PDB file of all heavy atoms in Angstrom:
ATOM      1  N   ASP A   1     -14.189  -2.812  23.520  1.00  0.00           N
ATOM      2  CA  ASP A   1     -13.035  -2.014  23.120  1.00  0.00           C
ATOM      3  C   ASP A   1     -12.786  -2.229  21.620  1.00  0.00           C
ATOM      4  O   ASP A   1     -12.465  -3.334  21.199  1.00  0.00           O
ATOM      5  CB  ASP A   1     -11.819  -2.437  23.933  1.00  0.00           C
ATOM      6  CG  ASP A   1     -10.558  -1.655  23.613  1.00  0.00           C
ATOM      7  OD1 ASP A   1     -10.619  -0.690  22.822  1.00  0.00           O
ATOM      8  OD2 ASP A   1      -9.500  -2.017  24.151  1.00  0.00           O
ATOM      9  N   SER A   2     -12.962  -1.179  20.842  1.00  0.00           N
ATOM     10  CA  SER A   2     -12.766  -1.269  19.395  1.00  0.00           C
ATOM     11  C   SER A   2     -12.050  -0.028  18.893  1.00  0.00           C
ATOM     12  O   SER A   2     -12.369   1.088  19.299  1.00  0.00           O
ATOM     13  CB  SER A   2     -14.113  -1.395  18.678  1.00  0.00           C
ATOM     14  OG  SER A   2     -13.930  -1.436  17.274  1.00  0.00           O
ATOM     15  N   THR A   3     -11.070  -0.255  18.037  1.00  0.00           N
ATOM     16  CA  THR A   3     -10.335   0.832  17.406  1.00  0.00           C
ATOM     17  C   THR A   3     -10.464   0.670  15.898  1.00  0.00           C
ATOM     18  O   THR A   3     -10.243  -0.421  15.374  1.00  0.00           O
ATOM     19  CB  THR A   3      -8.842   0.792  17.800  1.00  0.00           C
ATOM     20  OG1 THR A   3      -8.736   0.881  19.217  1.00  0.00           O
ATOM     21  CG2 THR A   3      -8.063   1.915  17.145  1.00  0.00           C
ATOM     22  N   LEU A   4     -10.813   1.753  15.227  1.00  0.00           N
ATOM     23  CA  LEU A   4     -10.910   1.758  13.769  1.00  0.00           C
ATOM     24  C   LEU A   4      -9.890   2.735  13.218  1.00  0.00           C
ATOM     25  O   LEU A   4      -9.884   3.908  13.587  1.00  0.00           O
ATOM     26  CB  LEU A   4     -12.309   2.160  13.305  1.00  0.00           C
ATOM     27  CG  LEU A   4     -12.499   2.367  11.801  1.00  0.00           C
ATOM     28  CD1 LEU A   4     -12.210   1.091  11.014  1.00  0.00           C
ATOM     29  CD2 LEU A   4     -13.909   2.870  11.504  1.00  0.00           C
ATOM     30  N   VAL A   5      -9.013   2.230  12.360  1.00  0.00           N
ATOM     31  CA  VAL A   5      -8.041   3.067  11.673  1.00  0.00           C
ATOM     32  C   VAL A   5      -8.433   3.080  10.203  1.00  0.00           C
ATOM     33  O   VAL A   5      -8.446   2.035   9.545  1.00  0.00           O
ATOM     34  CB  VAL A   5      -6.596   2.527  11.831  1.00  0.00           C
ATOM     35  CG1 VAL A   5      -5.613   3.356  11.029  1.00  0.00           C
ATOM     36  CG2 VAL A   5      -6.202   2.461  13.302  1.00  0.00           C
ATOM     37  N   VAL A   6      -8.785   4.265   9.700  1.00  0.00           N
ATOM     38  CA  VAL A   6      -9.117   4.417   8.289  1.00  0.00           C
ATOM     39  C   VAL A   6      -7.859   4.903   7.578  1.00  0.00           C
ATOM     40  O   VAL A   6      -7.279   5.922   7.947  1.00  0.00           O
ATOM     41  CB  VAL A   6     -10.276   5.416   8.089  1.00  0.00           C
ATOM     42  CG1 VAL A   6     -10.554   5.629   6.606  1.00  0.00           C
ATOM     43  CG2 VAL A   6     -11.528   4.916   8.799  1.00  0.00           C
ATOM     44  N   VAL A   7      -7.439   4.147   6.568  1.00  0.00           N
ATOM     45  CA  VAL A   7      -6.225   4.485   5.834  1.00  0.00           C
ATOM     46  C   VAL A   7      -6.616   5.297   4.601  1.00  0.00           C
ATOM     47  O   VAL A   7      -7.258   4.788   3.681  1.00  0.00           O
ATOM     48  CB  VAL A   7      -5.445   3.212   5.441  1.00  0.00           C
ATOM     49  CG1 VAL A   7      -4.142   3.579   4.742  1.00  0.00           C
ATOM     50  CG2 VAL A   7      -5.176   2.346   6.669  1.00  0.00           C
ATOM     51  N   LYS A   8      -6.269   6.558   4.639  1.00  0.00           N
ATOM     52  CA  LYS A   8      -6.629   7.468   3.550  1.00  0.00           C
ATOM     53  C   LYS A   8      -5.873   7.108   2.273  1.00  0.00           C
ATOM     54  O   LYS A   8      -4.712   6.713   2.314  1.00  0.00           O
ATOM     55  CB  LYS A   8      -6.322   8.907   3.951  1.00  0.00           C
ATOM     56  CG  LYS A   8      -7.175   9.387   5.108  1.00  0.00           C
ATOM     57  CD  LYS A   8      -7.014  10.873   5.340  1.00  0.00           C
ATOM     58  CE  LYS A   8      -7.787  11.347   6.529  1.00  0.00           C
ATOM     59  NZ  LYS A   8      -9.194  11.154   6.486  1.00  0.00           N
ATOM     60  N   ASN A   9      -6.570   7.260   1.152  1.00  0.00           N
ATOM     61  CA  ASN A   9      -6.030   7.005  -0.191  1.00  0.00           C
ATOM     62  C   ASN A   9      -5.683   5.539  -0.438  1.00  0.00           C
ATOM     63  O   ASN A   9      -4.966   5.237  -1.379  1.00  0.00           O
ATOM     64  CB  ASN A   9      -4.781   7.862  -0.458  1.00  0.00           C
ATOM     65  CG  ASN A   9      -5.047   9.324  -0.277  1.00  0.00           C
ATOM     66  OD1 ASN A   9      -6.057   9.847  -0.732  1.00  0.00           O
ATOM     67  ND2 ASN A   9      -4.151  10.013   0.406  1.00  0.00           N
ATOM     68  N   ALA A  10      -6.160   4.623   0.401  1.00  0.00           N
ATOM     69  CA  ALA A  10      -5.798   3.213   0.256  1.00  0.00           C
ATOM     70  C   ALA A  10      -6.978   2.384  -0.215  1.00  0.00           C
ATOM     71  O   ALA A  10      -8.117   2.611   0.173  1.00  0.00           O
ATOM     72  CB  ALA A  10      -5.306   2.658   1.585  1.00  0.00           C
ATOM     73  N   GLY A  11      -6.650   1.414  -1.049  1.00  0.00           N
ATOM     74  CA  GLY A  11      -7.630   0.431  -1.471  1.00  0.00           C
ATOM     75  C   GLY A  11      -7.468  -0.830  -0.635  1.00  0.00           C
ATOM     76  O   GLY A  11      -6.882  -0.803   0.446  1.00  0.00           O
ATOM     77  N   HIS A  12      -7.970  -1.943  -1.141  1.00  0.00           N
ATOM     78  CA  HIS A  12      -7.868  -3.220  -0.448  1.00  0.00           C
ATOM     79  C   HIS A  12      -6.399  -3.617  -0.335  1.00  0.00           C
ATOM     80  O   HIS A  12      -5.651  -3.520  -1.285  1.00  0.00           O
ATOM     81  CB  HIS A  12      -8.655  -4.288  -1.216  1.00  0.00           C
ATOM     82  CG  HIS A  12      -8.892  -5.523  -0.441  1.00  0.00           C
ATOM     83  ND1 HIS A  12      -9.821  -5.598   0.567  1.00  0.00           N
ATOM     84  CD2 HIS A  12      -8.308  -6.744  -0.513  1.00  0.00           C
ATOM     85  CE1 HIS A  12      -9.813  -6.810   1.080  1.00  0.00           C
ATOM     86  NE2 HIS A  12      -8.907  -7.528   0.446  1.00  0.00           N
ATOM     87  N   GLY A  13      -5.985  -4.061   0.820  1.00  0.00           N
ATOM     88  CA  GLY A  13      -4.583  -4.441   1.006  1.00  0.00           C
ATOM     89  C   GLY A  13      -3.677  -3.239   1.165  1.00  0.00           C
ATOM     90  O   GLY A  13      -2.466  -3.347   1.053  1.00  0.00           O
ATOM     91  N   PHE A  14      -4.276  -2.081   1.406  1.00  0.00           N
ATOM     92  CA  PHE A  14      -3.539  -0.828   1.607  1.00  0.00           C
ATOM     93  C   PHE A  14      -2.687  -0.465   0.401  1.00  0.00           C
ATOM     94  O   PHE A  14      -1.624   0.104   0.521  1.00  0.00           O
ATOM     95  CB  PHE A  14      -2.694  -0.880   2.890  1.00  0.00           C
ATOM     96  CG  PHE A  14      -3.483  -1.377   4.060  1.00  0.00           C
ATOM     97  CD1 PHE A  14      -3.086  -2.493   4.764  1.00  0.00           C
ATOM     98  CD2 PHE A  14      -4.659  -0.749   4.426  1.00  0.00           C
ATOM     99  CE1 PHE A  14      -3.830  -2.968   5.823  1.00  0.00           C
ATOM    100  CE2 PHE A  14      -5.411  -1.209   5.491  1.00  0.00           C
ATOM    101  CZ  PHE A  14      -4.988  -2.322   6.182  1.00  0.00           C
ATOM    102  N   ARG A  15      -3.210  -0.803  -0.770  1.00  0.00           N
ATOM    103  CA  ARG A  15      -2.521  -0.395  -1.986  1.00  0.00           C
ATOM    104  C   ARG A  15      -2.912   1.045  -2.295  1.00  0.00           C
ATOM    105  O   ARG A  15      -4.046   1.439  -2.115  1.00  0.00           O
ATOM    106  CB  ARG A  15      -2.925  -1.301  -3.145  1.00  0.00           C
ATOM    107  CG  ARG A  15      -2.435  -2.707  -2.968  1.00  0.00           C
ATOM    108  CD  ARG A  15      -2.854  -3.575  -4.152  1.00  0.00           C
ATOM    109  NE  ARG A  15      -2.543  -4.954  -3.905  1.00  0.00           N
ATOM    110  CZ  ARG A  15      -3.399  -5.836  -3.402  1.00  0.00           C
ATOM    111  NH1 ARG A  15      -4.626  -5.479  -3.118  1.00  0.00           N
ATOM    112  NH2 ARG A  15      -3.044  -7.073  -3.200  1.00  0.00           N
ATOM    113  N   GLY A  16      -1.973   1.783  -2.724  1.00  0.00           N
ATOM    114  CA  GLY A  16      -2.223   3.173  -3.051  1.00  0.00           C
ATOM    115  C   GLY A  16      -0.947   3.962  -2.887  1.00  0.00           C
ATOM    116  O   GLY A  16      -0.050   3.559  -2.161  1.00  0.00           O
ATOM    117  N   ARG A  17      -0.894   5.069  -3.560  1.00  0.00           N
ATOM    118  CA  ARG A  17       0.333   5.833  -3.568  1.00  0.00           C
ATOM    119  C   ARG A  17       0.640   6.547  -2.267  1.00  0.00           C
ATOM    120  O   ARG A  17       1.595   6.249  -1.586  1.00  0.00           O
ATOM    121  CB  ARG A  17       0.297   6.826  -4.694  1.00  0.00           C
ATOM    122  CG  ARG A  17       1.552   6.668  -5.467  1.00  0.00           C
ATOM    123  CD  ARG A  17       1.526   7.451  -6.669  1.00  0.00           C
ATOM    124  NE  ARG A  17       2.132   6.571  -7.625  1.00  0.00           N
ATOM    125  CZ  ARG A  17       2.918   6.928  -8.524  1.00  0.00           C
ATOM    126  NH1 ARG A  17       3.150   8.183  -8.704  1.00  0.00           N
ATOM    127  NH2 ARG A  17       3.468   6.072  -9.306  1.00  0.00           N
ATOM    128  N   SER A  18      -0.118   7.483  -1.913  1.00  0.00           N
ATOM    129  CA  SER A  18       0.194   8.294  -0.736  1.00  0.00           C
ATOM    130  C   SER A  18      -0.761   7.970   0.407  1.00  0.00           C
ATOM    131  O   SER A  18      -1.524   8.806   0.853  1.00  0.00           O
ATOM    132  CB  SER A  18       0.144   9.774  -1.098  1.00  0.00           C
ATOM    133  OG  SER A  18      -1.127  10.087  -1.629  1.00  0.00           O
ATOM    134  N   ILE A  19      -0.699   6.716   0.857  1.00  0.00           N
ATOM    135  CA  ILE A  19      -1.602   6.304   1.920  1.00  0.00           C
ATOM    136  C   ILE A  19      -1.174   6.931   3.245  1.00  0.00           C
ATOM    137  O   ILE A  19       0.007   7.154   3.486  1.00  0.00           O
ATOM    138  CB  ILE A  19      -1.718   4.772   2.037  1.00  0.00           C
ATOM    139  CG1 ILE A  19      -0.400   4.130   2.452  1.00  0.00           C
ATOM    140  CG2 ILE A  19      -2.235   4.174   0.749  1.00  0.00           C
ATOM    141  CD1 ILE A  19      -0.516   2.649   2.778  1.00  0.00           C
ATOM    142  N   GLN A  20      -2.169   7.232   4.064  1.00  0.00           N
ATOM    143  CA  GLN A  20      -1.925   7.819   5.385  1.00  0.00           C
ATOM    144  C   GLN A  20      -2.806   7.124   6.404  1.00  0.00           C
ATOM    145  O   GLN A  20      -4.021   7.127   6.226  1.00  0.00           O
ATOM    146  CB  GLN A  20      -2.232   9.321   5.376  1.00  0.00           C
ATOM    147  CG  GLN A  20      -1.232  10.133   4.607  1.00  0.00           C
ATOM    148  CD  GLN A  20       0.163  10.064   5.215  1.00  0.00           C
ATOM    149  OE1 GLN A  20       0.313  10.004   6.428  1.00  0.00           O
ATOM    150  NE2 GLN A  20       1.172  10.055   4.391  1.00  0.00           N
ATOM    151  N   PRO A  21      -2.317   6.529   7.463  1.00  0.00           N
ATOM    152  CA  PRO A  21      -0.903   6.442   7.771  1.00  0.00           C
ATOM    153  C   PRO A  21      -0.185   5.520   6.791  1.00  0.00           C
ATOM    154  O   PRO A  21      -0.810   4.653   6.175  1.00  0.00           O
ATOM    155  CB  PRO A  21      -0.877   5.861   9.189  1.00  0.00           C
ATOM    156  CG  PRO A  21      -2.166   5.123   9.336  1.00  0.00           C
ATOM    157  CD  PRO A  21      -3.152   5.855   8.467  1.00  0.00           C
ATOM    158  N   ASN A  22       1.131   5.708   6.659  1.00  0.00           N
ATOM    159  CA  ASN A  22       1.882   4.883   5.717  1.00  0.00           C
ATOM    160  C   ASN A  22       2.000   3.455   6.264  1.00  0.00           C
ATOM    161  O   ASN A  22       1.656   3.179   7.407  1.00  0.00           O
ATOM    162  CB  ASN A  22       3.251   5.505   5.402  1.00  0.00           C
ATOM    163  CG  ASN A  22       4.173   5.554   6.594  1.00  0.00           C
ATOM    164  OD1 ASN A  22       4.197   4.655   7.432  1.00  0.00           O
ATOM    165  ND2 ASN A  22       4.943   6.624   6.700  1.00  0.00           N
ATOM    166  N   PHE A  23       2.484   2.560   5.412  1.00  0.00           N
ATOM    167  CA  PHE A  23       2.495   1.146   5.776  1.00  0.00           C
ATOM    168  C   PHE A  23       3.309   0.892   7.036  1.00  0.00           C
ATOM    169  O   PHE A  23       2.926   0.086   7.883  1.00  0.00           O
ATOM    170  CB  PHE A  23       3.008   0.283   4.619  1.00  0.00           C
ATOM    171  CG  PHE A  23       2.818  -1.183   4.879  1.00  0.00           C
ATOM    172  CD1 PHE A  23       1.560  -1.753   4.769  1.00  0.00           C
ATOM    173  CD2 PHE A  23       3.872  -1.977   5.274  1.00  0.00           C
ATOM    174  CE1 PHE A  23       1.362  -3.102   5.035  1.00  0.00           C
ATOM    175  CE2 PHE A  23       3.682  -3.326   5.548  1.00  0.00           C
ATOM    176  CZ  PHE A  23       2.428  -3.890   5.420  1.00  0.00           C
ATOM    177  N   ARG A  24       4.405   1.583   7.211  1.00  0.00           N
ATOM    178  CA  ARG A  24       5.241   1.401   8.404  1.00  0.00           C
ATOM    179  C   ARG A  24       4.454   1.769   9.666  1.00  0.00           C
ATOM    180  O   ARG A  24       4.525   1.089  10.677  1.00  0.00           O
ATOM    181  CB  ARG A  24       6.506   2.238   8.289  1.00  0.00           C
ATOM    182  CG  ARG A  24       7.478   1.945   9.408  1.00  0.00           C
ATOM    183  CD  ARG A  24       8.813   2.555   9.143  1.00  0.00           C
ATOM    184  NE  ARG A  24       9.463   1.720   8.132  1.00  0.00           N
ATOM    185  CZ  ARG A  24      10.518   2.081   7.439  1.00  0.00           C
ATOM    186  NH1 ARG A  24      11.042   3.263   7.616  1.00  0.00           N
ATOM    187  NH2 ARG A  24      11.049   1.279   6.555  1.00  0.00           N
ATOM    188  N   LYS A  25       3.673   2.856   9.603  1.00  0.00           N
ATOM    189  CA  LYS A  25       2.867   3.270  10.758  1.00  0.00           C
ATOM    190  C   LYS A  25       1.732   2.282  11.015  1.00  0.00           C
ATOM    191  O   LYS A  25       1.394   2.012  12.165  1.00  0.00           O
ATOM    192  CB  LYS A  25       2.320   4.674  10.548  1.00  0.00           C
ATOM    193  CG  LYS A  25       3.382   5.743  10.676  1.00  0.00           C
ATOM    194  CD  LYS A  25       2.807   7.126  10.510  1.00  0.00           C
ATOM    195  CE  LYS A  25       3.918   8.160  10.582  1.00  0.00           C
ATOM    196  NZ  LYS A  25       3.408   9.509  10.323  1.00  0.00           N
ATOM    197  N   ILE A  26       1.145   1.740   9.947  1.00  0.00           N
ATOM    198  CA  ILE A  26       0.099   0.727  10.098  1.00  0.00           C
ATOM    199  C   ILE A  26       0.673  -0.493  10.812  1.00  0.00           C
ATOM    200  O   ILE A  26       0.083  -1.024  11.759  1.00  0.00           O
ATOM    201  CB  ILE A  26      -0.493   0.317   8.732  1.00  0.00           C
ATOM    202  CG1 ILE A  26      -1.248   1.479   8.103  1.00  0.00           C
ATOM    203  CG2 ILE A  26      -1.401  -0.911   8.877  1.00  0.00           C
ATOM    204  CD1 ILE A  26      -1.626   1.250   6.653  1.00  0.00           C
ATOM    205  N   LEU A  27       1.832  -0.936  10.368  1.00  0.00           N
ATOM    206  CA  LEU A  27       2.480  -2.092  10.981  1.00  0.00           C
ATOM    207  C   LEU A  27       2.813  -1.812  12.443  1.00  0.00           C
ATOM    208  O   LEU A  27       2.595  -2.651  13.319  1.00  0.00           O
ATOM    209  CB  LEU A  27       3.739  -2.469  10.196  1.00  0.00           C
ATOM    210  CG  LEU A  27       4.456  -3.734  10.641  1.00  0.00           C
ATOM    211  CD1 LEU A  27       3.535  -4.939  10.593  1.00  0.00           C
ATOM    212  CD2 LEU A  27       5.675  -3.963   9.766  1.00  0.00           C
ATOM    213  N   SER A  28       3.282  -0.619  12.715  1.00  0.00           N
ATOM    214  CA  SER A  28       3.615  -0.229  14.081  1.00  0.00           C
ATOM    215  C   SER A  28       2.373  -0.246  14.982  1.00  0.00           C
ATOM    216  O   SER A  28       2.413  -0.725  16.121  1.00  0.00           O
ATOM    217  CB  SER A  28       4.249   1.158  14.079  1.00  0.00           C
ATOM    218  OG  SER A  28       4.549   1.571  15.383  1.00  0.00           O
ATOM    219  N   LYS A  29       1.235   0.278  14.478  1.00  0.00           N
ATOM    220  CA  LYS A  29      -0.014   0.264  15.241  1.00  0.00           C
ATOM    221  C   LYS A  29      -0.450  -1.177  15.514  1.00  0.00           C
ATOM    222  O   LYS A  29      -0.934  -1.489  16.604  1.00  0.00           O
ATOM    223  CB  LYS A  29      -1.121   0.989  14.477  1.00  0.00           C
ATOM    224  CG  LYS A  29      -1.020   2.492  14.488  1.00  0.00           C
ATOM    225  CD  LYS A  29      -2.153   3.088  13.654  1.00  0.00           C
ATOM    226  CE  LYS A  29      -2.072   4.576  13.580  1.00  0.00           C
ATOM    227  NZ  LYS A  29      -2.505   5.248  14.799  1.00  0.00           N
ATOM    228  N   THR A  30      -0.302  -2.037  14.530  1.00  0.00           N
ATOM    229  CA  THR A  30      -0.697  -3.432  14.673  1.00  0.00           C
ATOM    230  C   THR A  30       0.156  -4.139  15.725  1.00  0.00           C
ATOM    231  O   THR A  30      -0.365  -4.826  16.608  1.00  0.00           O
ATOM    232  CB  THR A  30      -0.593  -4.162  13.324  1.00  0.00           C
ATOM    233  OG1 THR A  30      -1.373  -3.458  12.352  1.00  0.00           O
ATOM    234  CG2 THR A  30      -1.077  -5.597  13.416  1.00  0.00           C
ATOM    235  N   VAL A  31       1.462  -3.954  15.642  1.00  0.00           N
ATOM    236  CA  VAL A  31       2.369  -4.578  16.608  1.00  0.00           C
ATOM    237  C   VAL A  31       2.084  -4.059  18.018  1.00  0.00           C
ATOM    238  O   VAL A  31       2.017  -4.831  18.978  1.00  0.00           O
ATOM    239  CB  VAL A  31       3.845  -4.347  16.210  1.00  0.00           C
ATOM    240  CG1 VAL A  31       4.794  -4.758  17.322  1.00  0.00           C
ATOM    241  CG2 VAL A  31       4.170  -5.108  14.927  1.00  0.00           C
ATOM    242  N   ALA A  32       1.887  -2.752  18.151  1.00  0.00           N
ATOM    243  CA  ALA A  32       1.587  -2.166  19.465  1.00  0.00           C
ATOM    244  C   ALA A  32       0.293  -2.740  20.036  1.00  0.00           C
ATOM    245  O   ALA A  32       0.210  -3.043  21.240  1.00  0.00           O
ATOM    246  CB  ALA A  32       1.497  -0.650  19.356  1.00  0.00           C
ATOM    247  N   PHE A  33      -0.732  -2.893  19.184  1.00  0.00           N
ATOM    248  CA  PHE A  33      -2.010  -3.467  19.623  1.00  0.00           C
ATOM    249  C   PHE A  33      -1.799  -4.876  20.170  1.00  0.00           C
ATOM    250  O   PHE A  33      -2.260  -5.202  21.262  1.00  0.00           O
ATOM    251  CB  PHE A  33      -3.003  -3.482  18.455  1.00  0.00           C
ATOM    252  CG  PHE A  33      -4.304  -4.167  18.776  1.00  0.00           C
ATOM    253  CD1 PHE A  33      -5.302  -3.493  19.463  1.00  0.00           C
ATOM    254  CD2 PHE A  33      -4.529  -5.479  18.398  1.00  0.00           C
ATOM    255  CE1 PHE A  33      -6.512  -4.122  19.774  1.00  0.00           C
ATOM    256  CE2 PHE A  33      -5.729  -6.113  18.689  1.00  0.00           C
ATOM    257  CZ  PHE A  33      -6.723  -5.438  19.379  1.00  0.00           C
ATOM    258  N   PHE A  34      -1.079  -5.718  19.426  1.00  0.00           N
ATOM    259  CA  PHE A  34      -0.873  -7.092  19.872  1.00  0.00           C
ATOM    260  C   PHE A  34       0.002  -7.161  21.111  1.00  0.00           C
ATOM    261  O   PHE A  34      -0.246  -7.969  22.011  1.00  0.00           O
ATOM    262  CB  PHE A  34      -0.322  -7.965  18.744  1.00  0.00           C
ATOM    263  CG  PHE A  34      -1.379  -8.370  17.760  1.00  0.00           C
ATOM    264  CD1 PHE A  34      -1.354  -7.902  16.466  1.00  0.00           C
ATOM    265  CD2 PHE A  34      -2.420  -9.199  18.139  1.00  0.00           C
ATOM    266  CE1 PHE A  34      -2.345  -8.258  15.566  1.00  0.00           C
ATOM    267  CE2 PHE A  34      -3.418  -9.570  17.254  1.00  0.00           C
ATOM    268  CZ  PHE A  34      -3.367  -9.095  15.960  1.00  0.00           C
ATOM    269  N   LYS A  35       1.016  -6.331  21.186  1.00  0.00           N
ATOM    270  CA  LYS A  35       1.854  -6.321  22.390  1.00  0.00           C
ATOM    271  C   LYS A  35       1.026  -5.956  23.615  1.00  0.00           C
ATOM    272  O   LYS A  35       1.139  -6.583  24.659  1.00  0.00           O
ATOM    273  CB  LYS A  35       3.019  -5.340  22.237  1.00  0.00           C
ATOM    274  CG  LYS A  35       4.164  -5.890  21.446  1.00  0.00           C
ATOM    275  CD  LYS A  35       5.325  -4.927  21.465  1.00  0.00           C
ATOM    276  CE  LYS A  35       6.510  -5.534  20.767  1.00  0.00           C
ATOM    277  NZ  LYS A  35       7.679  -4.645  20.808  1.00  0.00           N
ATOM    278  N   GLU A  36       0.209  -4.935  23.476  1.00  0.00           N
ATOM    279  CA  GLU A  36      -0.601  -4.502  24.612  1.00  0.00           C
ATOM    280  C   GLU A  36      -1.642  -5.537  24.996  1.00  0.00           C
ATOM    281  O   GLU A  36      -1.822  -5.856  26.169  1.00  0.00           O
ATOM    282  CB  GLU A  36      -1.284  -3.179  24.302  1.00  0.00           C
ATOM    283  CG  GLU A  36      -2.043  -2.619  25.489  1.00  0.00           C
ATOM    284  CD  GLU A  36      -2.589  -1.246  25.243  1.00  0.00           C
ATOM    285  OE1 GLU A  36      -2.040  -0.501  24.416  1.00  0.00           O
ATOM    286  OE2 GLU A  36      -3.588  -0.902  25.908  1.00  0.00           O
ATOM    287  N   GLU A  37      -2.329  -6.081  23.999  1.00  0.00           N
ATOM    288  CA  GLU A  37      -3.428  -7.001  24.283  1.00  0.00           C
ATOM    289  C   GLU A  37      -2.970  -8.401  24.634  1.00  0.00           C
ATOM    290  O   GLU A  37      -3.600  -9.073  25.447  1.00  0.00           O
ATOM    291  CB  GLU A  37      -4.411  -7.044  23.107  1.00  0.00           C
ATOM    292  CG  GLU A  37      -5.065  -5.721  22.804  1.00  0.00           C
ATOM    293  CD  GLU A  37      -5.748  -5.077  24.014  1.00  0.00           C
ATOM    294  OE1 GLU A  37      -6.249  -5.813  24.894  1.00  0.00           O
ATOM    295  OE2 GLU A  37      -5.778  -3.845  24.082  1.00  0.00           O
ATOM    296  N   LEU A  38      -1.891  -8.869  24.038  1.00  0.00           N
ATOM    297  CA  LEU A  38      -1.446 -10.242  24.284  1.00  0.00           C
ATOM    298  C   LEU A  38      -0.367 -10.334  25.360  1.00  0.00           C
ATOM    299  O   LEU A  38      -0.285 -11.325  26.068  1.00  0.00           O
ATOM    300  CB  LEU A  38      -0.946 -10.877  22.990  1.00  0.00           C
ATOM    301  CG  LEU A  38      -1.988 -11.015  21.876  1.00  0.00           C
ATOM    302  CD1 LEU A  38      -1.357 -11.609  20.630  1.00  0.00           C
ATOM    303  CD2 LEU A  38      -3.172 -11.851  22.324  1.00  0.00           C
ATOM    304  N   GLN A  39       0.459  -9.293  25.445  1.00  0.00           N
ATOM    305  CA  GLN A  39       1.553  -9.324  26.411  1.00  0.00           C
ATOM    306  C   GLN A  39       1.315  -8.380  27.591  1.00  0.00           C
ATOM    307  O   GLN A  39       2.046  -8.440  28.569  1.00  0.00           O
ATOM    308  CB  GLN A  39       2.869  -8.956  25.734  1.00  0.00           C
ATOM    309  CG  GLN A  39       3.279  -9.925  24.652  1.00  0.00           C
ATOM    310  CD  GLN A  39       4.540  -9.468  23.924  1.00  0.00           C
ATOM    311  OE1 GLN A  39       4.910  -8.312  23.957  1.00  0.00           O
ATOM    312  NE2 GLN A  39       5.201 -10.414  23.287  1.00  0.00           N
ATOM    313  N   GLY A  40       0.354  -7.486  27.444  1.00  0.00           N
ATOM    314  CA  GLY A  40       0.084  -6.536  28.512  1.00  0.00           C
ATOM    315  C   GLY A  40       1.119  -5.446  28.643  1.00  0.00           C
ATOM    316  O   GLY A  40       1.236  -4.810  29.678  1.00  0.00           O
ATOM    317  N   THR A  41       1.867  -5.193  27.561  1.00  0.00           N
ATOM    318  CA  THR A  41       2.879  -4.123  27.584  1.00  0.00           C
ATOM    319  C   THR A  41       2.468  -3.014  26.632  1.00  0.00           C
ATOM    320  O   THR A  41       2.175  -3.275  25.461  1.00  0.00           O
ATOM    321  CB  THR A  41       4.264  -4.663  27.176  1.00  0.00           C
ATOM    322  OG1 THR A  41       4.174  -5.266  25.893  1.00  0.00           O
ATOM    323  CG2 THR A  41       4.788  -5.687  28.161  1.00  0.00           C
TER     324      THR A  41
END
């Protein structure tokens, strides 16, 4: 099971002006991944 999220317009560390998904969405995807995989929710 592998998921790849490519952040458009972003450099290393997700630096960049109009990155997509934006940092809030990236953080949300990360939290959702850990909740599902570690907590099963």
